[in-house]
Amino acid sequence: MSWNPSVYLAFADERTRPAAELLARVPSEHPGRVADLGCGPGNSTDLLVKRWPDAKIEGIDSSPAMIETAKKSGVKAQFTLADIAAWTPDIAYDVVFSNATYQWLPDHAALLPRLMSFVVKGGVFAFQVPNNQYAPSHTLMRDVAAQGPWAQTLADVRGIFVEKAQTYFDILAPHAASLDIWTTEYLHVLDGEDAVFKWVSGTGLRPYLDALNDDERARFAAEYKARLNVAYPRRADGKTLLPFSRLFAVARL
């Protein structure tokens, strides 16, 4: 799946805010080694560097474009290209942090305990994932994919994997000394035409667009925009309101 850092960063404030709120709940004062899994263009990594300027901080992402942007960002961290699903560090970390990444990876019952095993005893494993897979923005995306002439092409498009809060408790609790899980719904106030389409273009829509040719992509986008604009009407003041839920977890080992 391709990623476009500039499209992603068009909503940098909204995408960085959950990372900041997750970080605020991480109970680690002086970690020596910190990993930011799915660091993207480095916006979340920058928060970690500012909180722990003396720590050795590493950003890891599977997108060459994101890693290249992160390296040019000026953030004082090491950035590494790696597939998180197969990532196996040589040395354990005091904090393993992730902002909006695990939803792209399947089998959280196996994935998360494996990643937690790379945290030292007394360290922290913290993550946030979007929790809006049943919102109109995503159900309409799947409907358009299944109902158009591209249905067969999009049948096996990469999905989004997010569990219920109770399921994450069951996955994480056996490996944690303490555990904090919560959800937050943001109300994003977006500007301009096709605002919600522009939002999802940087994240959840990428696998669908990547799988289509230019003509199909244009027709898919037109149909999807039309449905989005009914579900999320633009207000008289030009704003569009996008409710957006996220799930957070902080485990102390």
C-alpha atoms as a PDB file:
ATOM      1  CA  MET A   1       0.000   0.000   0.000  1.00  0.00           C
ATOM      2  CA  SER A   2       1.370   3.413  -0.944  1.00  0.00           C
ATOM      3  CA  TRP A   3       1.389   6.366   1.434  1.00  0.00           C
ATOM      4  CA  ASN A   4       1.530  10.061   0.635  1.00  0.00           C
ATOM      5  CA  PRO A   5       3.034  12.005   3.556  1.00  0.00           C
ATOM      6  CA  SER A   6       1.730  15.371   2.308  1.00  0.00           C
ATOM      7  CA  VAL A   7      -1.857  14.077   2.127  1.00  0.00           C
ATOM      8  CA  TYR A   8      -1.511  12.533   5.584  1.00  0.00           C
ATOM      9  CA  LEU A   9      -0.090  15.747   7.048  1.00  0.00           C
ATOM     10  CA  ALA A  10      -2.918  17.866   5.612  1.00  0.00           C
ATOM     11  CA  PHE A  11      -4.632  17.097   8.927  1.00  0.00           C
ATOM     12  CA  ALA A  12      -1.461  17.023  11.028  1.00  0.00           C
ATOM     13  CA  ASP A  13      -3.001  18.676  14.107  1.00  0.00           C
ATOM     14  CA  GLU A  14      -5.959  16.296  14.217  1.00  0.00           C
ATOM     15  CA  ARG A  15      -3.764  13.233  13.652  1.00  0.00           C
ATOM     16  CA  THR A  16      -1.157  14.277  16.227  1.00  0.00           C
ATOM     17  CA  ARG A  17      -3.591  15.178  19.012  1.00  0.00           C
ATOM     18  CA  PRO A  18      -4.441  11.537  19.899  1.00  0.00           C
ATOM     19  CA  ALA A  19      -0.713  10.748  20.068  1.00  0.00           C
ATOM     20  CA  ALA A  20      -0.235  13.605  22.526  1.00  0.00           C
ATOM     21  CA  GLU A  21      -3.168  12.464  24.645  1.00  0.00           C
ATOM     22  CA  LEU A  22      -1.874   8.886  24.666  1.00  0.00           C
ATOM     23  CA  LEU A  23       1.612  10.054  25.600  1.00  0.00           C
ATOM     24  CA  ALA A  24       0.235  12.092  28.499  1.00  0.00           C
ATOM     25  CA  ARG A  25      -0.973   8.827  30.088  1.00  0.00           C
ATOM     26  CA  VAL A  26       2.342   6.974  29.717  1.00  0.00           C
ATOM     27  CA  PRO A  27       3.826   6.596  33.240  1.00  0.00           C
ATOM     28  CA  SER A  28       7.509   6.609  32.333  1.00  0.00           C
ATOM     29  CA  GLU A  29       9.757   9.416  33.554  1.00  0.00           C
ATOM     30  CA  HIS A  30      13.274   8.577  32.315  1.00  0.00           C
ATOM     31  CA  PRO A  31      13.210   5.791  29.714  1.00  0.00           C
ATOM     32  CA  GLY A  32      16.483   4.871  28.062  1.00  0.00           C
ATOM     33  CA  ARG A  33      15.100   3.378  24.837  1.00  0.00           C
ATOM     34  CA  VAL A  34      11.792   4.247  23.161  1.00  0.00           C
ATOM     35  CA  ALA A  35      10.251   2.840  19.960  1.00  0.00           C
ATOM     36  CA  ASP A  36       7.566   4.590  17.921  1.00  0.00           C
ATOM     37  CA  LEU A  37       5.956   1.850  15.818  1.00  0.00           C
ATOM     38  CA  GLY A  38       4.308   3.169  12.665  1.00  0.00           C
ATOM     39  CA  CYS A  39       5.982   6.529  13.088  1.00  0.00           C
ATOM     40  CA  GLY A  40       4.747   7.859   9.737  1.00  0.00           C
ATOM     41  CA  PRO A  41       6.334  11.217   8.818  1.00  0.00           C
ATOM     42  CA  GLY A  42       7.673  11.688  12.350  1.00  0.00           C
ATOM     43  CA  ASN A  43       4.943  13.833  13.898  1.00  0.00           C
ATOM     44  CA  SER A  44       4.329  11.401  16.762  1.00  0.00           C
ATOM     45  CA  THR A  45       8.063  10.724  17.187  1.00  0.00           C
ATOM     46  CA  ASP A  46       8.618  14.442  17.696  1.00  0.00           C
ATOM     47  CA  LEU A  47       6.334  14.326  20.739  1.00  0.00           C
ATOM     48  CA  LEU A  48       8.421  11.513  22.228  1.00  0.00           C
ATOM     49  CA  VAL A  49      11.676  13.407  21.632  1.00  0.00           C
ATOM     50  CA  LYS A  50      10.303  16.524  23.301  1.00  0.00           C
ATOM     51  CA  ARG A  51       9.135  14.593  26.375  1.00  0.00           C
ATOM     52  CA  TRP A  52      12.276  12.464  26.697  1.00  0.00           C
ATOM     53  CA  PRO A  53      15.159  14.439  25.116  1.00  0.00           C
ATOM     54  CA  ASP A  54      17.797  12.196  26.725  1.00  0.00           C
ATOM     55  CA  ALA A  55      16.309   8.906  25.534  1.00  0.00           C
ATOM     56  CA  LYS A  56      17.396   6.931  22.498  1.00  0.00           C
ATOM     57  CA  ILE A  57      14.288   7.120  20.334  1.00  0.00           C
ATOM     58  CA  GLU A  58      13.642   5.115  17.176  1.00  0.00           C
ATOM     59  CA  GLY A  59      10.810   5.564  14.689  1.00  0.00           C
ATOM     60  CA  ILE A  60       9.863   2.468  12.683  1.00  0.00           C
ATOM     61  CA  ASP A  61       7.585   2.400   9.639  1.00  0.00           C
ATOM     62  CA  SER A  62       7.022   0.130   6.621  1.00  0.00           C
ATOM     63  CA  SER A  63       6.562   3.018   4.154  1.00  0.00           C
ATOM     64  CA  PRO A  64       9.719   4.247   2.411  1.00  0.00           C
ATOM     65  CA  ALA A  65       7.998   7.578   1.659  1.00  0.00           C
ATOM     66  CA  MET A  66       7.070   8.101   5.311  1.00  0.00           C
ATOM     67  CA  ILE A  67      10.552   7.202   6.549  1.00  0.00           C
ATOM     68  CA  GLU A  68      12.158   9.520   4.002  1.00  0.00           C
ATOM     69  CA  THR A  69       9.895  12.381   5.132  1.00  0.00           C
ATOM     70  CA  ALA A  70      10.622  11.622   8.787  1.00  0.00           C
ATOM     71  CA  LYS A  71      14.377  11.705   8.161  1.00  0.00           C
ATOM     72  CA  LYS A  72      14.008  15.157   6.590  1.00  0.00           C
ATOM     73  CA  SER A  73      11.762  16.458   9.380  1.00  0.00           C
ATOM     74  CA  GLY A  74      14.576  17.507  11.707  1.00  0.00           C
ATOM     75  CA  VAL A  75      13.239  15.294  14.501  1.00  0.00           C
ATOM     76  CA  LYS A  76      16.231  14.058  16.512  1.00  0.00           C
ATOM     77  CA  ALA A  77      15.523  10.333  16.327  1.00  0.00           C
ATOM     78  CA  GLN A  78      16.686   7.310  14.383  1.00  0.00           C
ATOM     79  CA  PHE A  79      14.233   6.282  11.661  1.00  0.00           C
ATOM     80  CA  THR A  80      14.165   2.703  10.394  1.00  0.00           C
ATOM     81  CA  LEU A  81      12.279   1.025   7.562  1.00  0.00           C
ATOM     82  CA  ALA A  82      10.744  -2.231   8.830  1.00  0.00           C
ATOM     83  CA  ASP A  83       7.576  -4.338   8.722  1.00  0.00           C
ATOM     84  CA  ILE A  84       6.126  -4.162  12.234  1.00  0.00           C
ATOM     85  CA  ALA A  85       4.421  -7.537  11.807  1.00  0.00           C
ATOM     86  CA  ALA A  86       7.877  -9.135  11.534  1.00  0.00           C
ATOM     87  CA  TRP A  87       9.915  -6.577  13.531  1.00  0.00           C
ATOM     88  CA  THR A  88      12.205  -8.247  16.084  1.00  0.00           C
ATOM     89  CA  PRO A  89      14.621  -5.899  17.868  1.00  0.00           C
ATOM     90  CA  ASP A  90      17.875  -7.110  19.388  1.00  0.00           C
ATOM     91  CA  ILE A  91      17.412  -5.145  22.614  1.00  0.00           C
ATOM     92  CA  ALA A  92      14.218  -4.507  24.606  1.00  0.00           C
ATOM     93  CA  TYR A  93      12.729  -1.041  25.025  1.00  0.00           C
ATOM     94  CA  ASP A  94      11.523   0.882  28.061  1.00  0.00           C
ATOM     95  CA  VAL A  95       8.561   2.228  26.053  1.00  0.00           C
ATOM     96  CA  VAL A  96       6.949   0.840  22.915  1.00  0.00           C
ATOM     97  CA  PHE A  97       4.517   3.453  21.595  1.00  0.00           C
ATOM     98  CA  SER A  98       2.233   3.383  18.565  1.00  0.00           C
ATOM     99  CA  ASN A  99      -0.174   5.958  17.175  1.00  0.00           C
ATOM    100  CA  ALA A 100      -2.768   4.686  14.638  1.00  0.00           C
ATOM    101  CA  THR A 101      -0.856   1.737  13.198  1.00  0.00           C
ATOM    102  CA  TYR A 102      -2.036  -1.623  14.522  1.00  0.00           C
ATOM    103  CA  GLN A 103      -5.391  -1.324  12.732  1.00  0.00           C
ATOM    104  CA  TRP A 104      -3.517  -2.251   9.522  1.00  0.00           C
ATOM    105  CA  LEU A 105      -2.197  -5.503  11.009  1.00  0.00           C
ATOM    106  CA  PRO A 106      -4.303  -8.658  11.597  1.00  0.00           C
ATOM    107  CA  ASP A 107      -4.439 -11.095  14.524  1.00  0.00           C
ATOM    108  CA  HIS A 108      -3.989  -8.736  17.453  1.00  0.00           C
ATOM    109  CA  ALA A 109      -4.268 -11.676  19.860  1.00  0.00           C
ATOM    110  CA  ALA A 110      -0.869 -12.833  18.582  1.00  0.00           C
ATOM    111  CA  LEU A 111       0.629  -9.501  17.452  1.00  0.00           C
ATOM    112  CA  LEU A 112       0.259  -7.444  20.628  1.00  0.00           C
ATOM    113  CA  PRO A 113       1.709  -9.978  23.111  1.00  0.00           C
ATOM    114  CA  ARG A 114       4.646 -10.469  20.722  1.00  0.00           C
ATOM    115  CA  LEU A 115       5.301  -6.727  20.639  1.00  0.00           C
ATOM    116  CA  MET A 116       4.875  -6.494  24.406  1.00  0.00           C
ATOM    117  CA  SER A 117       7.650  -9.066  24.784  1.00  0.00           C
ATOM    118  CA  PHE A 118      10.054  -6.399  23.494  1.00  0.00           C
ATOM    119  CA  VAL A 119       9.353  -4.197  26.554  1.00  0.00           C
ATOM    120  CA  VAL A 120      11.479  -4.474  29.697  1.00  0.00           C
ATOM    121  CA  LYS A 121       9.868  -5.377  33.017  1.00  0.00           C
ATOM    122  CA  GLY A 122       8.450  -2.174  34.465  1.00  0.00           C
ATOM    123  CA  GLY A 123       8.269  -0.614  31.009  1.00  0.00           C
ATOM    124  CA  VAL A 124       5.222   0.607  29.105  1.00  0.00           C
ATOM    125  CA  PHE A 125       3.389  -0.623  26.006  1.00  0.00           C
ATOM    126  CA  ALA A 126       1.012   2.069  24.700  1.00  0.00           C
ATOM    127  CA  PHE A 127      -1.051   2.376  21.545  1.00  0.00           C
ATOM    128  CA  GLN A 128      -3.980   4.132  19.928  1.00  0.00           C
ATOM    129  CA  VAL A 129      -6.093   2.907  17.020  1.00  0.00           C
ATOM    130  CA  PRO A 130      -9.016   4.469  15.139  1.00  0.00           C
ATOM    131  CA  ASN A 131     -12.286   3.006  16.352  1.00  0.00           C
ATOM    132  CA  ASN A 132     -14.564   4.200  13.539  1.00  0.00           C
ATOM    133  CA  GLN A 133     -14.757   1.179  11.248  1.00  0.00           C
ATOM    134  CA  TYR A 134     -18.561   1.209  11.523  1.00  0.00           C
ATOM    135  CA  ALA A 135     -18.952   4.943  10.932  1.00  0.00           C
ATOM    136  CA  PRO A 136     -20.497   6.065   7.610  1.00  0.00           C
ATOM    137  CA  SER A 137     -17.066   7.105   6.339  1.00  0.00           C
ATOM    138  CA  HIS A 138     -16.011   3.457   6.335  1.00  0.00           C
ATOM    139  CA  THR A 139     -19.259   1.594   5.769  1.00  0.00           C
ATOM    140  CA  LEU A 140     -19.921   3.698   2.646  1.00  0.00           C
ATOM    141  CA  MET A 141     -16.373   3.026   1.451  1.00  0.00           C
ATOM    142  CA  ARG A 142     -16.989  -0.713   1.704  1.00  0.00           C
ATOM    143  CA  ASP A 143     -20.446  -0.382   0.095  1.00  0.00           C
ATOM    144  CA  VAL A 144     -19.104   1.455  -2.949  1.00  0.00           C
ATOM    145  CA  ALA A 145     -16.295  -1.091  -3.251  1.00  0.00           C
ATOM    146  CA  ALA A 146     -18.731  -4.019  -3.165  1.00  0.00           C
ATOM    147  CA  GLN A 147     -21.413  -2.570  -5.455  1.00  0.00           C
ATOM    148  CA  GLY A 148     -19.453  -1.140  -8.390  1.00  0.00           C
ATOM    149  CA  PRO A 149     -17.881  -2.715 -11.479  1.00  0.00           C
ATOM    150  CA  TRP A 150     -14.620  -2.893  -9.500  1.00  0.00           C
ATOM    151  CA  ALA A 151     -16.106  -5.272  -6.899  1.00  0.00           C
ATOM    152  CA  GLN A 152     -13.955  -8.227  -7.896  1.00  0.00           C
ATOM    153  CA  THR A 153     -10.794  -6.110  -7.962  1.00  0.00           C
ATOM    154  CA  LEU A 154     -11.495  -4.746  -4.483  1.00  0.00           C
ATOM    155  CA  ALA A 155     -12.757  -7.986  -2.940  1.00  0.00           C
ATOM    156  CA  ASP A 156      -9.450  -8.704  -1.205  1.00  0.00           C
ATOM    157  CA  VAL A 157      -8.379  -5.177  -0.392  1.00  0.00           C
ATOM    158  CA  ARG A 158      -6.465  -4.848   2.840  1.00  0.00           C
ATOM    159  CA  GLY A 159      -8.902  -4.470   5.722  1.00  0.00           C
ATOM    160  CA  ILE A 160      -8.853  -2.611   9.020  1.00  0.00           C
ATOM    161  CA  PHE A 161      -8.502  -4.679  12.193  1.00  0.00           C
ATOM    162  CA  VAL A 162      -9.802  -3.181  15.435  1.00  0.00           C
ATOM    163  CA  GLU A 163     -11.214  -5.133  18.377  1.00  0.00           C
ATOM    164  CA  LYS A 164     -13.583  -4.128  21.180  1.00  0.00           C
ATOM    165  CA  ALA A 165     -12.121  -2.595  24.329  1.00  0.00           C
ATOM    166  CA  GLN A 166     -13.031  -5.726  26.306  1.00  0.00           C
ATOM    167  CA  THR A 167     -11.173  -7.881  23.783  1.00  0.00           C
ATOM    168  CA  TYR A 168      -8.051  -5.775  24.167  1.00  0.00           C
ATOM    169  CA  PHE A 169      -8.318  -6.189  27.925  1.00  0.00           C
ATOM    170  CA  ASP A 170      -8.367  -9.968  27.503  1.00  0.00           C
ATOM    171  CA  ILE A 171      -5.367  -9.835  25.127  1.00  0.00           C
ATOM    172  CA  LEU A 172      -3.218  -7.473  27.186  1.00  0.00           C
ATOM    173  CA  ALA A 173      -4.104  -8.239  30.813  1.00  0.00           C
ATOM    174  CA  PRO A 174      -2.220 -11.572  31.094  1.00  0.00           C
ATOM    175  CA  HIS A 175       1.002  -9.767  30.155  1.00  0.00           C
ATOM    176  CA  ALA A 176       0.543  -6.535  32.132  1.00  0.00           C
ATOM    177  CA  ALA A 177       0.994  -5.508  35.753  1.00  0.00           C
ATOM    178  CA  SER A 178      -1.503  -2.669  35.209  1.00  0.00           C
ATOM    179  CA  LEU A 179      -3.735  -1.724  32.314  1.00  0.00           C
ATOM    180  CA  ASP A 180      -5.663   1.380  31.265  1.00  0.00           C
ATOM    181  CA  ILE A 181      -8.022   1.220  28.257  1.00  0.00           C
ATOM    182  CA  TRP A 182     -10.398   3.953  27.114  1.00  0.00           C
ATOM    183  CA  THR A 183     -12.139   5.428  24.083  1.00  0.00           C
ATOM    184  CA  THR A 184     -12.547   9.044  23.009  1.00  0.00           C
ATOM    185  CA  GLU A 185     -14.781  10.512  20.309  1.00  0.00           C
ATOM    186  CA  TYR A 186     -13.455  13.665  18.667  1.00  0.00           C
ATOM    187  CA  LEU A 187     -15.575  16.046  16.632  1.00  0.00           C
ATOM    188  CA  HIS A 188     -13.329  17.198  13.818  1.00  0.00           C
ATOM    189  CA  VAL A 189     -14.373  20.444  12.154  1.00  0.00           C
ATOM    190  CA  LEU A 190     -13.235  20.254   8.527  1.00  0.00           C
ATOM    191  CA  ASP A 191     -13.077  22.971   5.884  1.00  0.00           C
ATOM    192  CA  GLY A 192     -13.726  22.972   2.151  1.00  0.00           C
ATOM    193  CA  GLU A 193     -15.453  20.753  -0.382  1.00  0.00           C
ATOM    194  CA  ASP A 194     -15.390  16.960  -0.039  1.00  0.00           C
ATOM    195  CA  ALA A 195     -13.780  17.395   3.367  1.00  0.00           C
ATOM    196  CA  VAL A 196     -14.366  13.875   4.665  1.00  0.00           C
ATOM    197  CA  PHE A 197     -13.118  12.379   1.396  1.00  0.00           C
ATOM    198  CA  LYS A 198      -9.903  14.376   1.799  1.00  0.00           C
ATOM    199  CA  TRP A 199      -9.568  13.116   5.374  1.00  0.00           C
ATOM    200  CA  VAL A 200      -9.869   9.413   4.499  1.00  0.00           C
ATOM    201  CA  SER A 201      -7.691   9.852   1.387  1.00  0.00           C
ATOM    202  CA  GLY A 202      -4.685   9.997   3.686  1.00  0.00           C
ATOM    203  CA  THR A 203      -5.501   6.781   5.538  1.00  0.00           C
ATOM    204  CA  GLY A 204      -8.354   4.278   5.154  1.00  0.00           C
ATOM    205  CA  LEU A 205      -9.063   4.968   1.476  1.00  0.00           C
ATOM    206  CA  ARG A 206      -5.482   4.285   0.343  1.00  0.00           C
ATOM    207  CA  PRO A 207      -5.837   0.515  -0.245  1.00  0.00           C
ATOM    208  CA  TYR A 208      -8.922   1.025  -2.439  1.00  0.00           C
ATOM    209  CA  LEU A 209      -7.399   3.772  -4.566  1.00  0.00           C
ATOM    210  CA  ASP A 210      -4.141   1.881  -4.987  1.00  0.00           C
ATOM    211  CA  ALA A 211      -5.956  -1.175  -6.377  1.00  0.00           C
ATOM    212  CA  LEU A 212      -7.769   0.722  -9.180  1.00  0.00           C
ATOM    213  CA  ASN A 213      -6.622   2.102 -12.517  1.00  0.00           C
ATOM    214  CA  ASP A 214      -7.002   5.812 -13.246  1.00  0.00           C
ATOM    215  CA  ASP A 215     -10.477   5.581 -14.798  1.00  0.00           C
ATOM    216  CA  GLU A 216     -11.837   3.289 -12.093  1.00  0.00           C
ATOM    217  CA  ARG A 217     -10.277   5.457  -9.401  1.00  0.00           C
ATOM    218  CA  ALA A 218     -12.025   8.561 -10.716  1.00  0.00           C
ATOM    219  CA  ARG A 219     -15.419   6.833 -10.921  1.00  0.00           C
ATOM    220  CA  PHE A 220     -15.012   5.231  -7.498  1.00  0.00           C
ATOM    221  CA  ALA A 221     -14.082   8.589  -5.985  1.00  0.00           C
ATOM    222  CA  ALA A 222     -17.065  10.355  -7.573  1.00  0.00           C
ATOM    223  CA  GLU A 223     -19.555   7.785  -6.237  1.00  0.00           C
ATOM    224  CA  TYR A 224     -17.970   7.705  -2.801  1.00  0.00           C
ATOM    225  CA  LYS A 225     -17.864  11.515  -2.546  1.00  0.00           C
ATOM    226  CA  ALA A 226     -21.548  11.740  -3.435  1.00  0.00           C
ATOM    227  CA  ARG A 227     -22.488   9.341  -0.641  1.00  0.00           C
ATOM    228  CA  LEU A 228     -20.157  10.975   1.871  1.00  0.00           C
ATOM    229  CA  ASN A 229     -21.623  14.394   1.184  1.00  0.00           C
ATOM    230  CA  VAL A 230     -25.067  13.071   2.100  1.00  0.00           C
ATOM    231  CA  ALA A 231     -23.823  11.402   5.280  1.00  0.00           C
ATOM    232  CA  TYR A 232     -21.651  14.398   6.239  1.00  0.00           C
ATOM    233  CA  PRO A 233     -23.364  17.488   4.765  1.00  0.00           C
ATOM    234  CA  ARG A 234     -21.423  20.701   4.472  1.00  0.00           C
ATOM    235  CA  ARG A 235     -22.923  23.325   6.765  1.00  0.00           C
ATOM    236  CA  ALA A 236     -23.975  26.844   5.824  1.00  0.00           C
ATOM    237  CA  ASP A 237     -20.747  28.159   7.357  1.00  0.00           C
ATOM    238  CA  GLY A 238     -18.709  25.923   5.037  1.00  0.00           C
ATOM    239  CA  LYS A 239     -17.694  23.505   7.793  1.00  0.00           C
ATOM    240  CA  THR A 240     -18.192  19.733   7.819  1.00  0.00           C
ATOM    241  CA  LEU A 241     -18.408  17.869  11.126  1.00  0.00           C
ATOM    242  CA  LEU A 242     -16.712  14.472  11.377  1.00  0.00           C
ATOM    243  CA  PRO A 243     -17.265  12.481  14.592  1.00  0.00           C
ATOM    244  CA  PHE A 244     -14.250  10.198  15.011  1.00  0.00           C
ATOM    245  CA  SER A 245     -13.757   7.597  17.736  1.00  0.00           C
ATOM    246  CA  ARG A 246     -10.364   6.270  18.868  1.00  0.00           C
ATOM    247  CA  LEU A 247      -9.359   3.525  21.297  1.00  0.00           C
ATOM    248  CA  PHE A 248      -6.354   3.882  23.628  1.00  0.00           C
ATOM    249  CA  ALA A 249      -4.451   1.381  25.748  1.00  0.00           C
ATOM    250  CA  VAL A 250      -1.552   1.786  28.173  1.00  0.00           C
ATOM    251  CA  ALA A 251      -0.063  -1.349  29.716  1.00  0.00           C
ATOM    252  CA  ARG A 252       2.605  -1.303  32.431  1.00  0.00           C
ATOM    253  CA  LEU A 253       4.590  -4.509  32.440  1.00  0.00           C
END
